[in-house]
Protein backbone atom coordinates (compact mmCIF):
# COMPACT_ATOMS: atom_id res chain seq x y z
CA MET A 1 0.00 0.00 0.00
CA ARG A 2 1.38 3.37 -1.04
CA PHE A 3 -0.38 6.71 -0.74
CA LEU A 4 0.29 10.42 -0.30
CA LEU A 5 -0.16 12.18 3.02
CA PHE A 6 -0.34 15.94 2.64
CA GLY A 7 1.41 17.84 5.41
CA ILE A 8 1.28 21.60 5.76
CA ILE A 9 3.86 23.89 7.33
CA MET A 10 2.85 27.51 7.56
CA VAL A 11 6.31 29.04 7.99
CA LEU A 12 6.54 32.78 7.78
CA ILE A 13 10.00 33.44 6.33
CA SER A 14 11.29 36.97 5.98
CA CYS A 15 12.05 38.27 2.53
CA ASN A 16 15.74 38.39 3.50
CA GLN A 17 16.78 34.88 2.47
CA LYS A 18 18.81 32.98 5.08
CA GLU A 19 21.67 30.64 4.35
CA SER A 20 19.70 27.67 5.73
CA TYR A 21 16.33 26.60 7.15
CA HIS A 22 15.58 23.50 9.23
CA PHE A 23 12.28 21.76 9.78
CA GLU A 24 10.97 18.43 11.09
CA ILE A 25 8.24 15.99 10.06
CA GLY A 26 5.79 15.22 12.87
CA ASN A 27 3.04 12.67 13.50
CA SER A 28 4.89 10.13 11.39
CA GLU A 29 4.62 7.01 13.57
CA GLY A 30 3.48 4.11 11.47
CA LEU A 31 4.03 6.01 8.23
CA THR A 32 4.63 3.52 5.40
CA THR A 33 3.96 5.68 2.36
CA PRO A 34 5.30 8.85 0.66
CA GLU A 35 4.10 12.20 1.97
CA ALA A 36 3.85 15.47 0.03
CA VAL A 37 4.85 18.36 2.29
CA ARG A 38 4.14 22.06 1.79
CA ILE A 39 6.15 24.87 3.36
CA HIS A 40 5.03 28.50 2.98
CA MET A 41 8.23 30.43 2.24
CA PRO A 42 7.57 33.94 0.86
CA GLY A 43 10.52 35.63 -0.76
CA LEU A 44 12.47 32.43 -1.37
CA ASN A 45 14.74 32.27 -4.42
CA PRO A 46 14.63 28.52 -5.17
CA ARG A 47 17.36 28.76 -7.80
CA GLU A 48 19.82 29.51 -5.00
CA MET A 49 18.76 26.71 -2.63
CA SER A 50 19.09 22.94 -2.25
CA LEU A 51 17.07 20.61 0.00
CA TYR A 52 18.76 17.83 1.96
CA ASN A 53 17.68 14.90 4.07
CA GLY A 54 20.90 14.03 5.85
CA GLU A 55 23.49 14.04 3.09
CA ARG A 56 21.01 13.13 0.34
CA ASN A 57 19.71 15.78 -2.04
CA VAL A 58 15.89 15.84 -2.24
CA ASN A 59 13.90 17.11 -5.23
CA PHE A 60 11.59 20.01 -4.41
CA GLN A 61 9.26 22.38 -6.23
CA TYR A 62 8.55 26.05 -5.53
CA ASP A 63 5.18 27.52 -6.47
CA GLU A 64 5.86 31.15 -7.42
CA LEU A 65 2.16 32.05 -7.18
CA THR A 66 1.49 30.78 -3.64
CA GLN A 67 5.13 30.99 -2.51
CA ASP A 68 4.97 27.43 -1.21
CA LEU A 69 7.82 24.93 -1.36
CA TRP A 70 6.81 21.28 -1.88
CA PHE A 71 8.74 18.02 -1.51
CA ILE A 72 8.06 14.31 -1.00
CA HIS A 73 8.88 12.77 2.39
CA HIS A 74 9.51 9.02 2.33
CA PRO A 75 9.07 6.78 5.40
CA GLU A 76 12.71 5.68 5.28
CA ASN A 77 13.95 9.30 5.35
CA HIS A 78 15.18 11.13 8.43
CA LEU A 79 12.52 13.36 10.00
CA GLN A 80 14.68 16.48 9.76
CA TYR A 81 15.36 18.40 6.53
CA THR A 82 17.65 21.30 5.71
CA LEU A 83 17.17 23.87 2.97
CA LYS A 84 20.47 25.62 2.32
CA GLN A 85 22.58 27.47 -0.21
CA LEU A 86 22.83 25.64 -3.53
CA SER A 87 25.43 22.92 -3.96
CA LEU A 88 26.98 22.64 -7.41
CA THR A 89 26.24 18.89 -7.34
CA ALA A 90 22.58 19.25 -6.37
CA LYS A 91 19.96 18.82 -9.06
CA ASN A 92 16.18 19.24 -9.09
CA THR A 93 14.53 16.93 -11.61
CA ALA A 94 11.21 17.90 -13.25
CA ILE A 95 9.35 14.57 -13.11
CA LEU A 96 5.96 16.08 -13.93
CA LYS A 97 5.24 18.39 -16.82
CA ALA A 98 2.48 20.63 -18.17
CA LYS A 99 2.24 21.75 -21.79
CA LYS A 100 -0.26 22.85 -24.41
CA HIS A 101 -0.89 20.43 -27.27
CA GLN A 102 -3.64 20.61 -29.90
CA GLY A 103 -6.09 22.52 -27.74
CA ASN A 104 -5.38 20.59 -24.54
CA MET A 105 -3.29 21.38 -21.49
CA GLU A 106 -1.53 18.09 -20.83
CA LEU A 107 -0.31 17.04 -17.39
CA ALA A 108 2.31 14.32 -17.64
CA ILE A 109 4.30 11.95 -15.42
CA ASN A 110 7.66 10.85 -16.83
CA ASN A 111 6.63 12.23 -20.23
CA GLN A 112 3.36 10.26 -20.28
CA ALA A 113 0.35 12.60 -20.55
CA VAL A 114 -2.25 11.09 -18.22
CA VAL A 115 -4.57 14.11 -17.77
CA GLN A 116 -5.72 16.44 -20.53
CA TYR A 117 -7.78 19.56 -19.84
CA ARG A 118 -9.58 20.77 -22.98
CA TYR A 119 -9.39 24.56 -23.35
CA GLU A 120 -10.35 24.82 -27.03
CA MET A 121 -13.85 24.07 -28.29
CA SER A 122 -14.83 20.51 -29.20
CA TYR A 123 -17.78 20.04 -31.53
CA PRO A 124 -19.89 16.92 -32.11
CA PRO A 125 -19.70 14.88 -35.32
CA GLU A 126 -21.15 16.24 -38.55
CA GLY A 127 -24.93 16.03 -38.53
CA ILE A 128 -25.23 16.67 -34.77
CA ASP A 129 -26.32 20.12 -33.61
CA SER A 130 -23.29 22.32 -32.86
CA ILE A 131 -25.06 23.47 -29.71
CA TYR A 132 -23.34 20.48 -28.09
CA GLY A 133 -19.92 22.07 -28.61
CA LYS A 134 -17.97 22.62 -25.41
CA SER A 135 -14.64 23.49 -23.75
CA GLY A 136 -13.53 23.29 -20.10
CA TYR A 137 -13.46 19.57 -19.29
CA ILE A 138 -11.00 16.71 -18.73
CA HIS A 139 -10.55 14.07 -21.41
CA PRO A 140 -8.84 11.78 -21.82
CA LEU A 141 -8.09 10.65 -18.28
CA ILE A 142 -5.57 7.83 -18.74
CA THR A 143 -4.36 5.11 -16.36
CA PRO A 144 -0.63 4.61 -15.67
CA ARG A 145 -0.58 1.72 -18.19
CA GLY A 146 -2.40 3.69 -20.89
CA ASP A 147 -6.11 2.85 -20.63
CA THR A 148 -8.50 5.75 -21.30
CA LEU A 149 -11.17 5.85 -18.58
CA THR A 150 -13.26 8.81 -19.79
CA ARG A 151 -15.63 9.25 -22.71
CA ILE A 152 -17.03 12.34 -24.44
CA GLN A 153 -20.02 12.92 -26.72
CA PRO A 154 -21.57 9.42 -26.41
CA PRO A 155 -24.56 9.15 -28.79
CA ASP A 156 -26.90 8.47 -25.86
CA HIS A 157 -25.80 11.71 -24.11
CA TRP A 158 -24.07 14.13 -26.49
CA HIS A 159 -23.64 16.58 -23.60
CA HIS A 160 -21.43 14.23 -21.54
CA TYR A 161 -17.83 15.43 -21.46
CA GLY A 162 -15.40 13.14 -19.64
CA LEU A 163 -14.75 14.57 -16.20
CA TRP A 164 -16.70 17.77 -15.58
CA GLY A 165 -19.19 19.43 -13.20
CA PRO A 166 -21.90 21.77 -14.58
CA TRP A 167 -24.97 22.59 -12.49
CA THR A 168 -28.28 21.27 -13.79
CA HIS A 169 -31.55 22.59 -12.33
CA THR A 170 -30.82 26.18 -11.29
CA GLN A 171 -32.86 29.33 -10.91
CA VAL A 172 -31.63 32.70 -12.15
CA ASN A 173 -33.96 35.61 -11.41
CA GLY A 174 -36.75 33.10 -10.85
CA GLN A 175 -36.27 31.30 -14.18
CA ARG A 176 -34.87 27.81 -14.66
CA VAL A 177 -31.45 27.59 -16.33
CA ASP A 178 -29.66 24.30 -17.11
CA PHE A 179 -25.87 24.42 -17.64
CA TRP A 180 -25.64 20.60 -18.02
CA ASN A 181 -28.07 19.53 -20.75
CA LEU A 182 -26.60 21.52 -23.61
CA GLY A 183 -29.28 20.49 -26.09
CA GLU A 184 -31.86 22.63 -24.32
CA GLY A 185 -29.87 25.76 -25.16
CA MET A 186 -30.28 27.29 -21.70
CA GLY A 187 -26.64 27.52 -20.73
CA THR A 188 -23.15 26.06 -20.81
CA VAL A 189 -19.75 26.15 -19.06
CA LEU A 190 -16.77 27.33 -21.12
CA PHE A 191 -13.06 27.89 -20.59
CA LYS A 192 -12.02 31.56 -20.36
CA GLU A 193 -8.29 31.68 -19.53
CA PHE A 194 -5.50 30.04 -17.57
CA LYS A 195 -4.67 31.71 -14.28
CA ASN A 196 -1.66 29.56 -13.46
CA VAL A 197 0.26 26.55 -14.77
CA ASN A 198 3.02 24.87 -12.77
CA ALA A 199 5.10 21.70 -13.01
CA GLY A 200 8.17 20.18 -11.42
CA ALA A 201 9.41 17.38 -9.20
CA VAL A 202 6.33 17.11 -6.98
CA PHE A 203 3.26 18.09 -9.00
CA ALA A 204 1.91 19.47 -12.26
CA SER A 205 -1.09 21.76 -12.04
CA LEU A 206 -3.31 24.19 -13.86
CA THR A 207 -5.82 26.74 -12.67
CA ALA A 208 -8.43 27.57 -15.30
CA SER A 209 -11.02 30.32 -15.23
CA GLN A 210 -14.39 29.00 -16.44
CA GLU A 211 -17.65 30.86 -17.07
CA HIS A 212 -21.11 29.41 -16.46
CA ILE A 213 -23.05 31.22 -19.17
CA ASP A 214 -26.80 31.83 -19.04
CA TYR A 215 -28.37 32.01 -22.50
CA LYS A 216 -31.93 32.34 -21.28
CA THR A 217 -32.72 35.09 -18.82
CA THR A 218 -31.33 38.13 -20.67
CA GLU A 219 -31.22 39.35 -24.26
CA SER A 220 -27.54 38.42 -24.57
CA PRO A 221 -25.45 35.68 -22.89
CA ASN A 222 -24.84 36.47 -19.24
CA VAL A 223 -22.24 35.04 -16.82
CA ALA A 224 -24.12 33.51 -13.88
CA LEU A 225 -21.10 31.91 -12.17
CA ASN A 226 -17.38 32.55 -12.26
CA GLU A 227 -15.30 29.48 -11.48
CA GLU A 228 -11.61 28.88 -10.90
CA LEU A 229 -10.92 25.19 -11.39
CA GLN A 230 -7.63 23.81 -10.10
CA ILE A 231 -6.39 20.44 -11.39
CA LYS A 232 -3.31 19.05 -9.65
CA LEU A 233 -1.46 15.85 -10.57
CA TRP A 234 0.81 14.51 -7.81
CA ASN A 235 3.97 12.48 -7.95
CA SER A 236 2.98 9.41 -5.88
CA ASP A 237 6.23 7.49 -6.52
CA ASN A 238 4.10 4.47 -7.48
CA PRO A 239 4.15 3.32 -11.13
CA ASP A 240 0.66 1.80 -10.81
CA ARG A 241 -1.14 4.78 -9.25
CA TYR A 242 -1.36 8.54 -9.38
CA VAL A 243 -3.24 11.13 -7.34
CA LEU A 244 -5.32 13.91 -8.89
CA ASP A 245 -6.98 16.85 -7.15
CA TYR A 246 -10.08 18.59 -8.56
CA ILE A 247 -10.87 21.83 -6.67
CA SER A 248 -13.64 24.19 -7.75
CA ASN A 249 -13.83 27.75 -6.37
CA PHE A 250 -16.86 29.68 -7.59
CA SER A 251 -18.98 32.77 -7.00
CA SER A 252 -21.92 34.50 -8.64
CA PRO A 253 -21.72 38.10 -9.90
CA LEU A 254 -25.53 38.30 -10.13
CA LYS A 255 -27.34 40.75 -7.88
CA GLU A 256 -29.68 38.04 -6.57
CA GLY A 257 -27.16 35.21 -6.73
CA ILE A 258 -28.28 31.83 -8.06
CA LEU A 259 -30.24 28.90 -6.63
CA PHE A 260 -29.12 25.32 -7.22
CA GLU A 261 -32.28 23.26 -7.00
CA ALA A 262 -32.23 19.82 -5.41
CA TYR A 263 -31.76 17.29 -8.22
CA ARG A 264 -30.08 13.94 -8.80
CA TYR A 265 -27.48 15.46 -11.18
CA GLY A 266 -25.47 18.64 -11.01
CA GLY A 267 -22.25 20.25 -9.84
CA GLY A 268 -19.71 18.42 -7.73
CA ILE A 269 -17.65 16.11 -9.90
CA GLY A 270 -19.04 13.80 -12.57
CA LEU A 271 -17.36 11.25 -14.81
CA ARG A 272 -18.71 9.35 -17.81
CA PHE A 273 -16.65 6.18 -18.05
CA ASN A 274 -15.38 4.47 -21.17
CA GLU A 275 -17.70 2.31 -23.25
CA ARG A 276 -15.94 -0.92 -22.20
CA TRP A 277 -17.49 -0.82 -18.74
CA LYS A 278 -20.97 -2.29 -18.51
CA ALA A 279 -23.17 -4.14 -16.02
CA ASP A 280 -21.16 -7.36 -16.10
CA ASN A 281 -17.61 -5.98 -15.79
CA CYS A 282 -17.81 -2.86 -13.57
CA THR A 283 -18.09 -2.69 -9.78
CA VAL A 284 -18.71 -0.08 -7.09
CA LEU A 285 -17.75 0.00 -3.41
CA THR A 286 -18.44 2.95 -1.09
CA SER A 287 -17.11 3.90 2.34
CA GLU A 288 -20.47 2.77 3.75
CA GLY A 289 -20.21 -0.67 2.14
CA LYS A 290 -22.69 0.01 -0.70
CA ASP A 291 -22.28 -1.69 -4.08
CA ARG A 292 -23.55 -0.75 -7.53
CA LEU A 293 -27.03 -2.04 -6.74
CA SER A 294 -27.39 0.09 -3.61
CA ALA A 295 -25.01 3.07 -3.87
CA ASP A 296 -27.13 5.45 -5.98
CA GLY A 297 -28.61 8.20 -3.81
CA SER A 298 -26.58 7.19 -0.74
CA ASN A 299 -23.88 9.28 0.92
CA ALA A 300 -20.18 8.43 1.19
CA ARG A 301 -16.74 9.74 2.07
CA TRP A 302 -15.23 7.77 -0.79
CA CYS A 303 -16.23 5.48 -3.63
CA ILE A 304 -14.18 2.98 -5.65
CA VAL A 305 -15.28 2.46 -9.26
CA SER A 306 -13.37 -0.25 -11.10
CA GLY A 307 -13.77 -2.33 -14.23
CA ALA A 308 -12.13 -4.43 -16.90
CA ALA A 309 -8.85 -3.15 -18.30
CA SER A 310 -8.28 -3.36 -22.05
CA TYR A 311 -5.17 -5.49 -21.51
CA GLY A 312 -6.80 -7.87 -18.98
CA GLY A 313 -7.17 -7.47 -15.23
CA THR A 314 -8.76 -4.34 -13.75
CA ASN A 315 -8.19 -0.65 -13.20
CA GLY A 316 -10.27 2.21 -11.84
CA ILE A 317 -10.65 5.36 -9.78
CA LEU A 318 -11.06 6.03 -6.09
CA PHE A 319 -13.18 9.20 -5.67
CA MET A 320 -12.92 11.14 -2.39
CA SER A 321 -15.02 13.98 -0.99
CA HIS A 322 -13.40 16.46 1.41
CA PRO A 323 -14.98 16.91 4.87
CA ASN A 324 -15.39 20.64 4.21
CA ASN A 325 -17.62 19.99 1.19
CA ARG A 326 -21.27 20.85 1.38
CA MET A 327 -23.41 17.83 2.47
CA HIS A 328 -20.37 15.68 3.35
CA PRO A 329 -20.47 12.66 3.48
CA GLU A 330 -21.61 13.48 0.00
CA PRO A 331 -24.60 12.15 -1.99
CA MET A 332 -23.83 10.29 -5.20
CA ARG A 333 -25.43 9.61 -8.56
CA ILE A 334 -24.43 6.19 -9.89
CA TRP A 335 -26.18 4.72 -12.90
CA PRO A 336 -28.04 1.47 -12.20
CA VAL A 337 -27.02 -1.80 -13.84
CA ASP A 338 -29.94 -1.58 -16.29
CA ALA A 339 -29.04 1.94 -17.49
CA ASN A 340 -28.92 2.86 -21.20
CA GLY A 341 -31.16 0.15 -22.56
CA GLY A 342 -29.85 -2.51 -20.22
CA ARG A 343 -26.17 -2.12 -21.14
CA GLY A 344 -25.32 -0.85 -17.68
CA ASP A 345 -22.91 1.88 -18.80
CA MET A 346 -21.05 3.54 -15.93
CA PHE A 347 -21.53 7.11 -14.74
CA PHE A 348 -20.40 8.44 -11.33
CA GLU A 349 -20.98 11.77 -9.62
CA PHE A 350 -20.57 13.32 -6.20
CA CYS A 351 -23.67 15.55 -6.19
CA PRO A 352 -23.90 18.04 -3.26
CA ILE A 353 -27.43 19.18 -4.22
CA ARG A 354 -28.95 15.71 -4.68
CA HIS A 355 -31.20 15.97 -1.61
CA GLN A 356 -31.19 19.66 -0.69
CA GLU A 357 -31.14 22.94 -2.63
CA TRP A 358 -28.22 25.35 -2.27
CA LYS A 359 -28.56 29.14 -2.40
CA ILE A 360 -25.44 30.83 -3.79
CA GLU A 361 -25.33 34.36 -2.42
CA PRO A 362 -23.98 37.18 -4.63
CA ASP A 363 -20.22 37.79 -4.58
CA LYS A 364 -19.59 35.12 -1.95
CA ASN A 365 -16.87 32.53 -2.50
CA TYR A 366 -17.64 28.80 -2.36
CA GLN A 367 -15.39 25.75 -2.68
CA LEU A 368 -15.71 22.03 -3.40
CA GLN A 369 -12.65 19.76 -3.07
CA TYR A 370 -12.25 16.28 -4.51
CA ARG A 371 -9.37 13.85 -4.85
CA MET A 372 -9.00 10.84 -7.12
CA VAL A 373 -6.57 7.95 -7.12
CA VAL A 374 -6.29 6.43 -10.59
CA PHE A 375 -5.02 2.89 -10.18
CA GLU A 376 -4.03 -0.29 -11.97
CA GLY A 377 -4.99 -3.66 -10.51
CA GLU A 378 -6.97 -3.67 -7.26
CA LEU A 379 -7.53 -1.08 -4.54
CA ASN A 380 -9.27 -2.37 -1.40
CA ALA A 381 -11.43 -0.71 1.25
CA ASP A 382 -8.61 -0.40 3.81
CA GLU A 383 -6.42 1.38 1.28
CA ALA A 384 -9.30 3.65 0.27
CA GLU A 385 -9.91 4.64 3.87
CA ALA A 386 -6.19 5.36 4.36
CA TYR A 387 -6.16 7.57 1.26
CA TRP A 388 -9.22 9.43 2.52
CA GLN A 389 -7.78 9.91 6.03
CA ALA A 390 -4.64 11.40 4.45
CA PHE A 391 -6.82 13.75 2.38
CA ALA A 392 -9.05 14.74 5.29
CA GLN A 393 -6.54 14.96 8.16
CA PRO A 394 -3.03 15.96 7.09
CA PRO A 395 -0.26 15.54 9.70
CA THR A 396 1.33 18.43 11.53
CA ILE A 397 4.91 19.60 10.88
CA SER A 398 7.04 22.05 12.86
CA LEU A 399 9.84 24.50 12.05
CA ILE A 400 13.14 24.05 13.90
CA GLU A 401 14.59 27.43 14.75
CA ASN A 402 18.20 28.05 13.76
């Protein structure tokens, strides 16, 4: 079992860079897996510094936007680290990468693009109404061994786009607006611009500005929600698994805000799985012990969705909801085994408005946080719970004064 624990050090460093800094990992008893650690270090010039664990150089990554330094702590490492003036022999290797390619922002591990965020428009095949065109979604989402898990524009639901999260039944100024079912022409969600892109030894990430556009309630298209979507791919140091964060920050510029009506679809995080997975080769297991026959409409901290791999065996995704999310443990929409004419195609969603409406007040910031573990082979309930605990309750770390 290998998973990431996310530790946080809030270290207020003066802008006058020191020759060295020392800090210590805490709460590490029983740790058997790698741990991604964040240190807030404003004013740091990373090009002049090296990170050491004992005598061993450790790869790190500095986020210029947040001024956080990240590195991976391994269980076999010493608990104390030193950040000091650069050694000529020290090197920092960029294991993860982010680059634009043919309308996608690709996030890659060891030069293998496993996550692609679509920022240019995609249109349906000739003969299908162009109203189904869309940008601002993830596809393909690819396993470490190369299987594509997502699907876009399936003929049964032209508006399905891989991994995405539009809101469905909403009210704007008292009128219903649907940002999900594109064929109704009420609204859509589109990419606007990139706010930040980062990549290095610890993670590759993008932050995309997306607009939820209302086509219905005014004479011209109107932005009903502004969203900043952060996608972060982590170096898990495991060739058969990777960790992916999906964090949505949103607000409404409308004078009256917007109402998300209670409905079985909408918002959160939804994924239309590949066409290989059907009733007889796809399984579900939730944190509450529910399976595919009983999980729909129930609440969970986490959910494992797995199915047949194209090369034999299995692969899948562990979905996790953060404790700070609205309605956590979070309601889910999972297609029944007789969905789509009895084929039993697979669709999963964490849906925070499934059982209760949500009023979004004007100019107030809201956040939903999700984490996925994309895996080859099997991932059991004990591992899933350990992943979720690491997501929900990061360990504490302390600064050692010089």
